[in-house]
Structure formats: structure tokens, C-alpha cells
Amino acid sequence: MKRKIPPSKIRYDKENPIISIRLSKSLKEALDDVREDKSYAMFIKELLQKEIDLKVHASGYRKGFDEAIKRFRISYPCCVCEKEIHLLPDEADTKAAIELLEGTWGHDECIGKTGRRR
């Protein structure tokens, strides 16, 4: 006669599924060397969590970097081929472009007060 499984065990198994893997003898020995006094489960959980954290961090970093590029990069078309040229803050070309604009560009309201034109 089969034993009845309690509902709490059914819920626990549903929320915490079991996985199993087979390792070669040499891989298991390497795992035993690096896991120190941790159980296999604890070591693998920590390893997985570190990997997940790295991926989440990398994804967030990339997303933030892409957003910063969109907001802060200066772009203008090439006078020959008309493809965009992108300037980044620390490049020599960026500094030269800023020097070229200094003294010639201003806020609309400031330019209107002086009577200067763009």
C-alpha cells in the first residue's frame, strides 16, 4: 500500500524542485576540493547566485551605459559621406569642437538680448 503524501510536502516540492546531475569522477573530486566544508547544495546555490548576480549587474551596467550614450554623446554628420560622427567627452575632437563653439553659441534668450545672430 502506497503512503499518502502530505499536502505540505506536495507544496514544498512544487516550490523547491529537485534537480540532479552526474559528474565525472575527476569533476566530483575537483568539486570536493573547492567546496570546503559546505554541502553540495549550499555550494552550488552560492555559485549559481554569484553567476546570476554577475549577469544582472552586467545587464544593468549595459543598460545604464547605453542610456548615458544616448543622453550625453554629441553626434554630427560627416561633411563628405553624411554618416554620423560621434564625439565622446574625453576625446581631442570633442575639445576642439567645444573650442570652436565657444564665443559663437548662446541661449536663445541671451542671443536675443544682444542682437547677435547665430
N, C-alpha and C. Protein backbone atom coordinates (compact mmCIF):
# COMPACT_ATOMS: atom_id res chain seq x y z
N MET A 1 0.84 -1.17 0.00
CA MET A 1 0.00 0.00 0.00
C MET A 1 0.89 1.24 0.00
N LYS A 2 0.56 2.18 -0.90
CA LYS A 2 1.32 3.41 -1.02
C LYS A 2 0.97 4.39 0.08
N ARG A 3 1.99 5.01 0.62
CA ARG A 3 1.79 6.01 1.66
C ARG A 3 1.26 7.31 1.06
N LYS A 4 0.33 7.95 1.74
CA LYS A 4 -0.23 9.21 1.26
C LYS A 4 0.77 10.33 1.54
N ILE A 5 1.01 11.15 0.50
CA ILE A 5 1.95 12.28 0.65
C ILE A 5 1.18 13.47 1.22
N PRO A 6 1.70 14.04 2.33
CA PRO A 6 1.01 15.18 2.94
C PRO A 6 0.97 16.39 1.99
N PRO A 7 -0.09 17.19 2.06
CA PRO A 7 -0.19 18.38 1.20
C PRO A 7 0.99 19.35 1.37
N SER A 8 1.51 19.46 2.59
CA SER A 8 2.66 20.36 2.81
C SER A 8 3.89 19.90 2.03
N LYS A 9 4.09 18.59 1.94
CA LYS A 9 5.22 18.04 1.17
C LYS A 9 5.01 18.29 -0.32
N ILE A 10 3.80 18.18 -0.79
CA ILE A 10 3.48 18.45 -2.20
C ILE A 10 3.78 19.91 -2.53
N ARG A 11 3.32 20.83 -1.63
CA ARG A 11 3.59 22.26 -1.84
C ARG A 11 5.09 22.55 -1.80
N TYR A 12 5.80 21.95 -0.84
CA TYR A 12 7.24 22.17 -0.72
C TYR A 12 7.97 21.71 -1.98
N ASP A 13 7.64 20.54 -2.45
CA ASP A 13 8.28 20.02 -3.66
C ASP A 13 7.97 20.88 -4.89
N LYS A 14 6.77 21.43 -4.92
CA LYS A 14 6.39 22.29 -6.04
C LYS A 14 7.20 23.60 -6.02
N GLU A 15 7.40 24.15 -4.83
CA GLU A 15 8.15 25.41 -4.69
C GLU A 15 9.66 25.21 -4.70
N ASN A 16 10.13 24.00 -4.45
CA ASN A 16 11.56 23.70 -4.37
C ASN A 16 11.87 22.44 -5.16
N PRO A 17 11.84 22.54 -6.50
CA PRO A 17 12.03 21.33 -7.31
C PRO A 17 13.45 20.75 -7.14
N ILE A 18 13.50 19.46 -7.24
CA ILE A 18 14.77 18.75 -7.12
C ILE A 18 15.42 18.66 -8.50
N ILE A 19 16.72 18.91 -8.52
CA ILE A 19 17.50 18.65 -9.74
C ILE A 19 18.64 17.71 -9.35
N SER A 20 19.08 16.93 -10.28
CA SER A 20 20.23 16.08 -10.01
C SER A 20 21.12 16.09 -11.24
N ILE A 21 22.40 15.85 -11.01
CA ILE A 21 23.36 15.84 -12.11
C ILE A 21 24.34 14.69 -11.91
N ARG A 22 24.92 14.28 -12.99
CA ARG A 22 26.00 13.29 -12.92
C ARG A 22 27.30 13.99 -13.26
N LEU A 23 28.32 13.70 -12.49
CA LEU A 23 29.65 14.29 -12.72
C LEU A 23 30.64 13.17 -12.99
N SER A 24 31.66 13.50 -13.75
CA SER A 24 32.75 12.55 -13.90
C SER A 24 33.47 12.47 -12.55
N LYS A 25 34.22 11.42 -12.35
CA LYS A 25 34.94 11.25 -11.09
C LYS A 25 35.89 12.41 -10.85
N SER A 26 36.59 12.83 -11.90
CA SER A 26 37.56 13.93 -11.73
C SER A 26 36.87 15.26 -11.42
N LEU A 27 35.70 15.49 -12.02
CA LEU A 27 34.96 16.72 -11.75
C LEU A 27 34.42 16.72 -10.31
N LYS A 28 33.96 15.57 -9.85
CA LYS A 28 33.47 15.47 -8.47
C LYS A 28 34.62 15.71 -7.50
N GLU A 29 35.79 15.17 -7.80
CA GLU A 29 36.95 15.39 -6.92
C GLU A 29 37.33 16.87 -6.89
N ALA A 30 37.26 17.53 -8.04
CA ALA A 30 37.54 18.97 -8.09
C ALA A 30 36.50 19.74 -7.28
N LEU A 31 35.24 19.35 -7.39
CA LEU A 31 34.17 19.98 -6.62
C LEU A 31 34.42 19.80 -5.12
N ASP A 32 34.79 18.61 -4.72
CA ASP A 32 35.08 18.35 -3.31
C ASP A 32 36.23 19.22 -2.81
N ASP A 33 37.21 19.47 -3.67
CA ASP A 33 38.35 20.30 -3.27
C ASP A 33 37.96 21.76 -3.04
N VAL A 34 37.05 22.28 -3.85
CA VAL A 34 36.72 23.71 -3.76
C VAL A 34 35.54 24.02 -2.85
N ARG A 35 34.71 23.05 -2.54
CA ARG A 35 33.52 23.37 -1.75
C ARG A 35 33.82 23.47 -0.26
N GLU A 36 34.99 23.07 0.14
CA GLU A 36 35.44 23.14 1.53
C GLU A 36 34.45 22.40 2.44
N ASP A 37 33.93 23.07 3.47
CA ASP A 37 33.05 22.38 4.41
C ASP A 37 31.57 22.59 4.10
N LYS A 38 31.27 23.17 2.95
CA LYS A 38 29.87 23.41 2.57
C LYS A 38 29.27 22.14 1.98
N SER A 39 27.95 22.02 2.12
CA SER A 39 27.26 20.91 1.46
C SER A 39 27.26 21.17 -0.05
N TYR A 40 27.01 20.12 -0.81
CA TYR A 40 26.93 20.29 -2.26
C TYR A 40 25.85 21.31 -2.60
N ALA A 41 24.70 21.17 -1.95
CA ALA A 41 23.58 22.06 -2.24
C ALA A 41 23.94 23.52 -1.96
N MET A 42 24.53 23.77 -0.79
CA MET A 42 24.87 25.15 -0.42
C MET A 42 25.92 25.72 -1.37
N PHE A 43 26.93 24.92 -1.71
CA PHE A 43 27.99 25.39 -2.61
C PHE A 43 27.41 25.73 -3.98
N ILE A 44 26.58 24.86 -4.52
CA ILE A 44 26.01 25.09 -5.85
C ILE A 44 25.04 26.26 -5.83
N LYS A 45 24.24 26.40 -4.76
CA LYS A 45 23.34 27.56 -4.65
C LYS A 45 24.13 28.86 -4.64
N GLU A 46 25.21 28.93 -3.86
CA GLU A 46 26.04 30.14 -3.80
C GLU A 46 26.68 30.43 -5.16
N LEU A 47 27.16 29.39 -5.81
CA LEU A 47 27.78 29.54 -7.13
C LEU A 47 26.76 30.08 -8.14
N LEU A 48 25.57 29.52 -8.13
CA LEU A 48 24.51 29.99 -9.04
C LEU A 48 24.11 31.42 -8.73
N GLN A 49 24.00 31.76 -7.45
CA GLN A 49 23.60 33.12 -7.07
C GLN A 49 24.65 34.13 -7.52
N LYS A 50 25.93 33.79 -7.38
CA LYS A 50 27.01 34.68 -7.85
C LYS A 50 26.91 34.90 -9.35
N GLU A 51 26.65 33.83 -10.08
CA GLU A 51 26.54 33.92 -11.54
C GLU A 51 25.34 34.78 -11.94
N ILE A 52 24.22 34.57 -11.26
CA ILE A 52 23.02 35.37 -11.54
C ILE A 52 23.28 36.84 -11.23
N ASP A 53 23.91 37.10 -10.07
CA ASP A 53 24.22 38.49 -9.69
C ASP A 53 25.12 39.16 -10.72
N LEU A 54 26.11 38.42 -11.22
CA LEU A 54 27.01 38.98 -12.24
C LEU A 54 26.25 39.33 -13.51
N LYS A 55 25.35 38.45 -13.93
CA LYS A 55 24.57 38.71 -15.15
C LYS A 55 23.64 39.90 -14.96
N VAL A 56 23.00 39.99 -13.80
CA VAL A 56 22.10 41.12 -13.53
C VAL A 56 22.91 42.41 -13.49
N HIS A 57 24.07 42.38 -12.84
CA HIS A 57 24.92 43.57 -12.77
C HIS A 57 25.36 43.99 -14.17
N ALA A 58 25.81 43.03 -14.96
CA ALA A 58 26.27 43.34 -16.32
C ALA A 58 25.13 43.91 -17.16
N SER A 59 23.95 43.35 -17.00
CA SER A 59 22.80 43.83 -17.76
C SER A 59 22.45 45.26 -17.35
N GLY A 60 22.45 45.53 -16.05
CA GLY A 60 22.17 46.89 -15.56
C GLY A 60 23.23 47.88 -15.98
N TYR A 61 24.48 47.44 -15.95
CA TYR A 61 25.59 48.30 -16.37
C TYR A 61 25.42 48.66 -17.84
N ARG A 62 25.14 47.67 -18.66
CA ARG A 62 24.98 47.89 -20.10
C ARG A 62 23.81 48.83 -20.38
N LYS A 63 22.71 48.60 -19.67
CA LYS A 63 21.54 49.45 -19.86
C LYS A 63 21.85 50.89 -19.48
N GLY A 64 22.54 51.08 -18.35
CA GLY A 64 22.92 52.43 -17.91
C GLY A 64 23.90 53.08 -18.87
N PHE A 65 24.85 52.30 -19.36
CA PHE A 65 25.84 52.81 -20.31
C PHE A 65 25.15 53.25 -21.60
N ASP A 66 24.26 52.41 -22.11
CA ASP A 66 23.54 52.75 -23.34
C ASP A 66 22.71 54.02 -23.17
N GLU A 67 22.07 54.15 -22.00
CA GLU A 67 21.27 55.34 -21.73
C GLU A 67 22.15 56.59 -21.66
N ALA A 68 23.31 56.47 -21.04
CA ALA A 68 24.23 57.60 -20.95
C ALA A 68 24.72 58.02 -22.33
N ILE A 69 25.02 57.04 -23.17
CA ILE A 69 25.44 57.35 -24.54
C ILE A 69 24.35 58.14 -25.27
N LYS A 70 23.11 57.68 -25.15
CA LYS A 70 22.00 58.37 -25.81
C LYS A 70 21.86 59.81 -25.31
N ARG A 71 22.06 60.00 -24.02
CA ARG A 71 21.82 61.33 -23.43
C ARG A 71 23.00 62.29 -23.61
N PHE A 72 24.24 61.79 -23.59
CA PHE A 72 25.38 62.68 -23.49
C PHE A 72 26.32 62.70 -24.70
N ARG A 73 26.18 61.78 -25.61
CA ARG A 73 27.08 61.76 -26.77
C ARG A 73 26.68 62.87 -27.74
N ILE A 74 27.67 63.53 -28.29
CA ILE A 74 27.45 64.56 -29.31
C ILE A 74 27.69 63.91 -30.67
N SER A 75 26.75 64.06 -31.57
CA SER A 75 26.87 63.47 -32.91
C SER A 75 26.61 64.54 -33.96
N TYR A 76 27.28 64.42 -35.07
CA TYR A 76 27.05 65.32 -36.20
C TYR A 76 27.39 64.57 -37.48
N PRO A 77 26.82 65.00 -38.61
CA PRO A 77 27.08 64.27 -39.86
C PRO A 77 28.42 64.65 -40.49
N CYS A 78 29.05 63.66 -41.11
CA CYS A 78 30.28 63.89 -41.86
C CYS A 78 29.95 64.78 -43.06
N CYS A 79 30.81 65.74 -43.36
CA CYS A 79 30.53 66.66 -44.48
C CYS A 79 30.72 65.98 -45.84
N VAL A 80 31.29 64.77 -45.86
CA VAL A 80 31.50 64.07 -47.13
C VAL A 80 30.45 62.97 -47.33
N CYS A 81 30.40 62.01 -46.41
CA CYS A 81 29.50 60.87 -46.59
C CYS A 81 28.18 61.00 -45.82
N GLU A 82 28.08 61.95 -44.94
CA GLU A 82 26.90 62.23 -44.13
C GLU A 82 26.57 61.16 -43.09
N LYS A 83 27.47 60.19 -42.87
CA LYS A 83 27.29 59.25 -41.77
C LYS A 83 27.61 59.98 -40.47
N GLU A 84 26.97 59.55 -39.38
CA GLU A 84 27.17 60.23 -38.11
C GLU A 84 28.58 60.03 -37.56
N ILE A 85 29.12 61.09 -37.02
CA ILE A 85 30.38 61.06 -36.27
C ILE A 85 29.99 61.27 -34.82
N HIS A 86 30.50 60.42 -33.93
CA HIS A 86 30.16 60.50 -32.51
C HIS A 86 31.35 61.01 -31.72
N LEU A 87 31.10 62.00 -30.89
CA LEU A 87 32.13 62.52 -30.01
C LEU A 87 31.87 62.06 -28.59
N LEU A 88 32.91 61.64 -27.92
CA LEU A 88 32.82 61.27 -26.52
C LEU A 88 33.57 62.32 -25.70
N PRO A 89 33.19 62.53 -24.44
CA PRO A 89 33.70 63.65 -23.66
C PRO A 89 35.22 63.82 -23.59
N ASP A 90 35.98 62.76 -23.51
CA ASP A 90 37.41 62.90 -23.30
C ASP A 90 38.25 62.88 -24.58
N GLU A 91 37.63 62.93 -25.72
CA GLU A 91 38.38 62.88 -26.97
C GLU A 91 38.87 64.27 -27.37
N ALA A 92 39.98 64.31 -28.06
CA ALA A 92 40.56 65.58 -28.51
C ALA A 92 39.61 66.29 -29.47
N ASP A 93 38.92 65.53 -30.34
CA ASP A 93 37.97 66.13 -31.28
C ASP A 93 36.84 66.85 -30.54
N THR A 94 36.42 66.29 -29.42
CA THR A 94 35.34 66.91 -28.64
C THR A 94 35.81 68.26 -28.10
N LYS A 95 37.02 68.28 -27.57
CA LYS A 95 37.56 69.53 -27.03
C LYS A 95 37.70 70.59 -28.13
N ALA A 96 38.12 70.15 -29.31
CA ALA A 96 38.25 71.08 -30.43
C ALA A 96 36.88 71.62 -30.85
N ALA A 97 35.86 70.77 -30.86
CA ALA A 97 34.51 71.20 -31.23
C ALA A 97 33.98 72.22 -30.22
N ILE A 98 34.25 71.97 -28.94
CA ILE A 98 33.80 72.91 -27.91
C ILE A 98 34.51 74.25 -28.07
N GLU A 99 35.81 74.22 -28.32
CA GLU A 99 36.56 75.47 -28.52
C GLU A 99 36.01 76.25 -29.72
N LEU A 100 35.61 75.53 -30.76
CA LEU A 100 35.06 76.17 -31.95
C LEU A 100 33.72 76.85 -31.64
N LEU A 101 32.92 76.23 -30.79
CA LEU A 101 31.60 76.77 -30.45
C LEU A 101 31.66 77.89 -29.41
N GLU A 102 32.69 77.88 -28.57
CA GLU A 102 32.77 78.90 -27.52
C GLU A 102 32.85 80.28 -28.14
N GLY A 103 32.04 81.17 -27.61
CA GLY A 103 32.03 82.54 -28.09
C GLY A 103 31.12 82.76 -29.28
N THR A 104 30.59 81.70 -29.87
CA THR A 104 29.71 81.86 -31.03
C THR A 104 28.30 81.35 -30.78
N TRP A 105 28.10 80.51 -29.78
CA TRP A 105 26.79 79.95 -29.50
C TRP A 105 26.33 80.41 -28.12
N GLY A 106 25.03 80.63 -27.97
CA GLY A 106 24.47 81.02 -26.68
C GLY A 106 23.02 80.62 -26.59
N HIS A 107 22.42 80.86 -25.41
CA HIS A 107 20.98 80.60 -25.24
C HIS A 107 20.19 81.52 -26.16
N ASP A 108 19.05 81.05 -26.62
CA ASP A 108 18.19 81.88 -27.49
C ASP A 108 17.88 83.22 -26.83
N GLU A 109 17.52 83.19 -25.54
CA GLU A 109 17.15 84.44 -24.87
C GLU A 109 18.37 85.36 -24.70
N CYS A 110 19.55 84.81 -24.53
CA CYS A 110 20.75 85.63 -24.40
C CYS A 110 21.11 86.27 -25.74
N ILE A 111 21.01 85.50 -26.79
CA ILE A 111 21.33 86.00 -28.14
C ILE A 111 20.33 87.11 -28.49
N GLY A 112 19.04 86.91 -28.12
CA GLY A 112 18.01 87.92 -28.41
C GLY A 112 18.29 89.23 -27.71
N LYS A 113 18.85 89.21 -26.52
CA LYS A 113 19.15 90.44 -25.77
C LYS A 113 20.27 91.24 -26.40
N THR A 114 21.23 90.56 -26.97
CA THR A 114 22.39 91.26 -27.54
C THR A 114 22.20 91.66 -28.98
N GLY A 115 21.22 91.05 -29.62
CA GLY A 115 21.01 91.36 -31.03
C GLY A 115 21.94 90.57 -31.93
N ARG A 116 22.76 89.68 -31.33
CA ARG A 116 23.66 88.84 -32.15
C ARG A 116 22.85 87.75 -32.82
N ARG A 117 23.36 87.28 -33.91
CA ARG A 117 22.72 86.18 -34.61
C ARG A 117 23.61 84.96 -34.54
N ARG A 118 23.00 83.84 -34.71
CA ARG A 118 23.77 82.58 -34.72
C ARG A 118 24.50 82.42 -36.00
